Amino acid sequence: MRVAPKKELGQHFLVDENILGVIGRLAELSPDDVVLEVGPGLGVLTRYLAPRVAHVHAVELDASLEPYLRDLGDNVTLHFGDALRLDLATVAPGARKLVANLPYNIATPLIVESLDGLPGLELWCVMVQREVADRLFAAPSTKAYGAVSVLVQLTAERIGFHPVSRTVFRPPPNVSSALVAFRRTGLQHDFKRVKKVVTAAFAYRRKTLPNSLEIAGLASRERAVEALTVIGRAPSVRAEALAPPEFLALTEALGVEGR
């Protein structure tokens, strides 16, 4: 029985089991792990995870895949719903790791939301577009560097990277993919505050930081200039020039609230 992947859901099913060992190594799986998997698809990765961890919470949007996701194991709980709308902390209580072949159309927002929304997560091992993987740990003043780069790097450190062939998916995507693994290092209590500043700063990345922050409604241009002076930056600087720790300093200088 074959299933036709739904393009509108960004479905590219993992079908080559040779990549599973790489995922297991980068995810540092252990028998006491509780794992969240988003987008199990046909269950290839789920069936690999189940005998190696304590529990797997698999979240799938496409209910038509239910016949392919039966008998995954007694320690697998299947949840149908939109991972971007569900309260994943409630859906996957005790989850320590996010291990998934993420649907391309939700990968970036899901990763960003999980940094704060799933404070118990200690490690991420995700299959994403190569472009997204490069963006997560891009350096300042590069084309790939953006809001997600800052937020991820302030929260975690990269511990693994592995390019993935298009042939491991059905249908093969038109873009390259990669596995990227990263471990939480900090920034939980300040996340909401910093996210406000980072989002506003990159909202108009071609403009100077004071102008971008003002247009986004976060701070007046004058207040932004004052804050940049405090952290030793000129008013002409753009968001892409600031390193992640500088956004922490800028948040403090602006006095941004967390709510």
Protein backbone atom coordinates (compact mmCIF):
# COMPACT_ATOMS: atom_id res chain seq x y z
CA MET A 1 0.00 0.00 0.00
CA ARG A 2 1.51 3.28 -1.13
CA VAL A 3 0.61 6.76 0.00
CA ALA A 4 0.89 9.91 -2.09
CA PRO A 5 2.79 12.64 -0.21
CA LYS A 6 0.88 15.89 0.12
CA LYS A 7 2.86 18.79 -1.34
CA GLU A 8 0.81 21.37 0.56
CA LEU A 9 1.94 19.78 3.84
CA GLY A 10 5.59 19.75 2.82
CA GLN A 11 5.68 15.94 3.01
CA HIS A 12 8.89 14.19 2.02
CA PHE A 13 8.78 10.78 3.65
CA LEU A 14 11.97 9.30 5.05
CA VAL A 15 12.37 5.92 3.32
CA ASP A 16 16.10 5.09 3.48
CA GLU A 17 16.88 3.38 6.79
CA ASN A 18 20.65 3.83 6.36
CA ILE A 19 20.38 7.38 7.73
CA LEU A 20 18.80 6.17 10.97
CA GLY A 21 22.11 5.19 12.55
CA VAL A 22 23.42 8.71 11.96
CA ILE A 23 20.32 10.16 13.61
CA GLY A 24 20.73 7.84 16.58
CA ARG A 25 24.36 8.85 17.02
CA LEU A 26 23.74 12.59 16.76
CA ALA A 27 20.70 12.36 19.07
CA GLU A 28 22.77 10.50 21.69
CA LEU A 29 19.82 8.22 22.38
CA SER A 30 19.61 6.47 25.74
CA PRO A 31 17.06 4.04 27.28
CA ASP A 32 15.66 6.66 29.66
CA ASP A 33 14.97 9.30 26.98
CA VAL A 34 11.50 10.69 26.36
CA VAL A 35 11.50 11.84 22.73
CA LEU A 36 9.22 14.18 20.81
CA GLU A 37 8.97 13.45 17.09
CA VAL A 38 7.12 15.89 14.83
CA GLY A 39 6.06 14.63 11.42
CA PRO A 40 6.54 10.85 11.70
CA GLY A 41 5.14 10.35 8.20
CA LEU A 42 5.24 6.61 7.49
CA GLY A 43 6.85 5.85 10.85
CA VAL A 44 10.32 4.84 9.65
CA LEU A 45 12.12 6.97 12.24
CA THR A 46 9.51 6.22 14.92
CA ARG A 47 10.10 2.49 14.60
CA TYR A 48 13.83 3.09 14.96
CA LEU A 49 13.41 5.26 18.05
CA ALA A 50 10.86 3.14 19.93
CA PRO A 51 13.11 0.24 21.04
CA ARG A 52 15.95 2.58 21.96
CA VAL A 53 14.21 5.06 24.27
CA ALA A 54 11.71 5.06 27.13
CA HIS A 55 8.90 6.78 25.25
CA VAL A 56 8.16 8.48 21.94
CA HIS A 57 5.48 11.13 21.48
CA ALA A 58 4.84 11.37 17.74
CA VAL A 59 2.83 14.35 16.44
CA GLU A 60 1.36 14.05 12.95
CA LEU A 61 -0.85 16.55 11.14
CA ASP A 62 -2.08 14.21 8.41
CA ALA A 63 -4.70 11.87 9.90
CA SER A 64 -4.82 9.88 6.64
CA LEU A 65 -1.44 8.39 7.63
CA GLU A 66 -2.97 6.61 10.64
CA PRO A 67 -2.95 3.17 8.92
CA TYR A 68 0.82 3.46 8.47
CA LEU A 69 1.37 4.44 12.09
CA ARG A 70 -0.24 1.47 13.81
CA ASP A 71 1.66 -0.97 15.98
CA LEU A 72 4.60 1.37 16.51
CA GLY A 73 5.23 -0.05 19.97
CA ASP A 74 3.74 0.08 23.46
CA ASN A 75 5.95 3.03 24.33
CA VAL A 76 4.79 5.21 21.41
CA THR A 77 1.95 7.70 21.81
CA LEU A 78 0.56 9.06 18.56
CA HIS A 79 -1.00 12.53 18.53
CA PHE A 80 -2.81 13.96 15.51
CA GLY A 81 -2.79 17.74 15.20
CA ASP A 82 -0.86 20.82 14.12
CA ALA A 83 2.42 20.94 16.03
CA LEU A 84 2.45 24.73 15.75
CA ARG A 85 -0.95 24.97 17.45
CA LEU A 86 -0.71 22.22 20.03
CA ASP A 87 0.69 22.75 23.51
CA LEU A 88 3.61 20.44 22.98
CA ALA A 89 4.69 20.63 26.61
CA THR A 90 1.34 19.04 27.52
CA VAL A 91 1.31 16.67 24.56
CA ALA A 92 4.80 15.35 25.30
CA PRO A 93 5.32 15.56 29.07
CA GLY A 94 8.90 14.95 30.12
CA ALA A 95 10.31 15.16 26.59
CA ARG A 96 14.05 15.70 26.75
CA LYS A 97 14.85 15.45 23.05
CA LEU A 98 13.28 16.54 19.78
CA VAL A 99 14.25 14.03 17.11
CA ALA A 100 12.47 14.49 13.81
CA ASN A 101 12.44 14.75 10.05
CA LEU A 102 10.68 18.10 10.24
CA PRO A 103 8.18 19.07 7.53
CA TYR A 104 9.93 21.79 5.56
CA ASN A 105 7.09 24.30 5.88
CA ILE A 106 7.16 24.37 9.70
CA ALA A 107 10.80 23.67 10.54
CA THR A 108 11.97 27.19 11.41
CA PRO A 109 8.96 28.35 13.47
CA LEU A 110 8.79 25.02 15.29
CA ILE A 111 12.45 25.16 16.28
CA VAL A 112 12.12 28.75 17.50
CA GLU A 113 8.96 28.02 19.50
CA SER A 114 10.49 24.89 21.04
CA LEU A 115 13.42 26.86 22.46
CA ASP A 116 11.08 28.54 24.92
CA GLY A 117 7.86 26.54 24.75
CA LEU A 118 9.58 23.27 25.64
CA PRO A 119 11.94 24.25 28.46
CA GLY A 120 12.59 20.60 29.31
CA LEU A 121 14.21 19.90 25.96
CA GLU A 122 17.92 19.30 26.32
CA LEU A 123 18.82 18.23 22.79
CA TRP A 124 17.51 18.69 19.25
CA CYS A 125 18.38 16.41 16.31
CA VAL A 126 16.40 17.52 13.29
CA MET A 127 16.38 16.91 9.56
CA VAL A 128 15.78 20.21 7.78
CA GLN A 129 16.55 21.96 4.52
CA ARG A 130 20.28 22.59 4.17
CA GLU A 131 19.53 26.30 3.95
CA VAL A 132 17.74 26.19 7.31
CA ALA A 133 20.51 24.11 8.89
CA ASP A 134 23.11 26.65 7.75
CA ARG A 135 20.97 29.52 9.03
CA LEU A 136 20.72 28.14 12.57
CA PHE A 137 24.40 28.62 13.29
CA ALA A 138 25.32 31.28 10.74
CA ALA A 139 27.88 33.93 11.68
CA PRO A 140 27.05 37.64 11.99
CA SER A 141 27.30 39.77 8.84
CA THR A 142 26.56 36.84 6.55
CA LYS A 143 23.56 36.43 4.28
CA ALA A 144 22.26 33.44 6.24
CA TYR A 145 22.43 35.21 9.61
CA GLY A 146 19.07 36.28 10.97
CA ALA A 147 16.66 36.21 13.89
CA VAL A 148 16.60 32.41 14.13
CA SER A 149 20.43 32.35 14.17
CA VAL A 150 20.53 34.68 17.17
CA LEU A 151 17.82 32.90 19.15
CA VAL A 152 19.22 29.42 18.58
CA GLN A 153 22.80 30.43 19.32
CA LEU A 154 21.81 32.19 22.53
CA THR A 155 20.04 29.02 23.65
CA ALA A 156 22.14 26.14 22.36
CA GLU A 157 25.43 24.94 20.93
CA ARG A 158 25.77 22.83 17.82
CA ILE A 159 27.08 19.32 18.49
CA GLY A 160 26.60 17.67 15.12
CA PHE A 161 26.00 18.26 11.42
CA HIS A 162 25.51 15.79 8.59
CA PRO A 163 24.56 16.54 4.96
CA VAL A 164 21.76 14.29 3.72
CA SER A 165 21.21 12.99 0.20
CA ARG A 166 17.91 13.76 -1.50
CA THR A 167 17.53 10.06 -2.24
CA VAL A 168 16.64 9.20 1.39
CA PHE A 169 13.21 10.80 0.85
CA ARG A 170 10.15 9.99 -1.22
CA PRO A 171 9.58 12.07 -3.21
CA PRO A 172 13.12 13.46 -3.40
CA PRO A 173 12.95 17.17 -2.53
CA ASN A 174 14.20 19.85 -4.88
CA VAL A 175 16.51 21.21 -2.19
CA SER A 176 19.38 19.76 -0.19
CA SER A 177 18.85 18.64 3.38
CA ALA A 178 20.96 18.19 6.49
CA LEU A 179 20.80 16.75 9.96
CA VAL A 180 21.72 19.23 12.64
CA ALA A 181 22.03 18.50 16.34
CA PHE A 182 22.33 21.04 19.13
CA ARG A 183 22.26 21.01 22.92
CA ARG A 184 20.67 23.58 25.25
CA THR A 185 23.14 25.79 27.08
CA GLY A 186 20.97 28.51 28.60
CA LEU A 187 18.73 31.55 27.95
CA GLN A 188 15.36 30.44 29.25
CA HIS A 189 14.34 33.19 31.64
CA ASP A 190 15.29 36.01 29.21
CA PHE A 191 14.02 34.38 26.03
CA LYS A 192 10.75 36.31 25.61
CA ARG A 193 12.48 39.65 26.18
CA VAL A 194 15.30 38.96 23.77
CA LYS A 195 12.94 37.50 21.16
CA LYS A 196 11.02 40.79 21.08
CA VAL A 197 14.20 42.73 20.34
CA VAL A 198 15.61 40.23 17.83
CA THR A 199 12.34 39.98 15.92
CA ALA A 200 11.99 43.74 15.70
CA ALA A 201 15.65 44.21 14.78
CA PHE A 202 15.47 41.85 11.80
CA ALA A 203 11.97 42.86 10.71
CA TYR A 204 13.50 45.51 8.45
CA ARG A 205 17.03 44.20 8.09
CA ARG A 206 17.98 46.63 5.31
CA LYS A 207 17.38 49.55 7.65
CA THR A 208 19.58 50.68 10.49
CA LEU A 209 18.77 49.17 13.87
CA PRO A 210 17.24 52.35 15.34
CA ASN A 211 14.92 52.69 12.36
CA SER A 212 13.96 49.03 12.39
CA LEU A 213 13.17 49.07 16.11
CA GLU A 214 11.09 52.22 15.70
CA ILE A 215 9.11 50.96 12.70
CA ALA A 216 8.45 47.69 14.54
CA GLY A 217 7.07 49.71 17.44
CA LEU A 218 9.53 48.45 20.03
CA ALA A 219 11.37 51.68 20.82
CA SER A 220 11.71 55.23 19.55
CA ARG A 221 14.70 55.95 17.36
CA GLU A 222 16.17 58.16 20.07
CA ARG A 223 15.84 55.43 22.70
CA ALA A 224 17.38 52.88 20.36
CA VAL A 225 20.35 55.16 19.63
CA GLU A 226 20.90 55.62 23.37
CA ALA A 227 20.81 51.85 23.94
CA LEU A 228 23.25 51.21 21.11
CA THR A 229 25.62 53.78 22.58
CA VAL A 230 25.50 51.91 25.88
CA ILE A 231 26.65 48.69 24.20
CA GLY A 232 29.29 50.48 22.12
CA ARG A 233 27.57 50.43 18.75
CA ALA A 234 27.03 53.28 16.30
CA PRO A 235 23.50 54.41 15.27
CA SER A 236 24.24 53.31 11.70
CA VAL A 237 24.63 49.63 12.63
CA ARG A 238 22.27 47.02 11.19
CA ALA A 239 20.92 43.97 12.98
CA GLU A 240 23.04 41.52 11.01
CA ALA A 241 26.23 43.07 12.41
CA LEU A 242 25.43 42.30 16.06
CA ALA A 243 26.64 39.02 17.56
CA PRO A 244 24.11 37.06 19.64
CA PRO A 245 25.48 38.20 23.04
CA GLU A 246 25.13 41.83 21.91
CA PHE A 247 21.37 41.30 21.58
CA LEU A 248 21.30 40.34 25.25
CA ALA A 249 23.09 43.55 26.10
CA LEU A 250 20.80 45.57 23.83
CA THR A 251 17.72 44.06 25.49
CA GLU A 252 19.00 45.17 28.88
CA ALA A 253 19.90 48.63 27.63
CA LEU A 254 16.42 49.07 26.12
CA GLY A 255 14.75 47.85 29.30
CA VAL A 256 12.40 45.57 27.37
CA GLU A 257 9.83 43.75 29.48
CA GLY A 258 9.26 40.01 29.16
CA ARG A 259 5.50 39.96 28.61
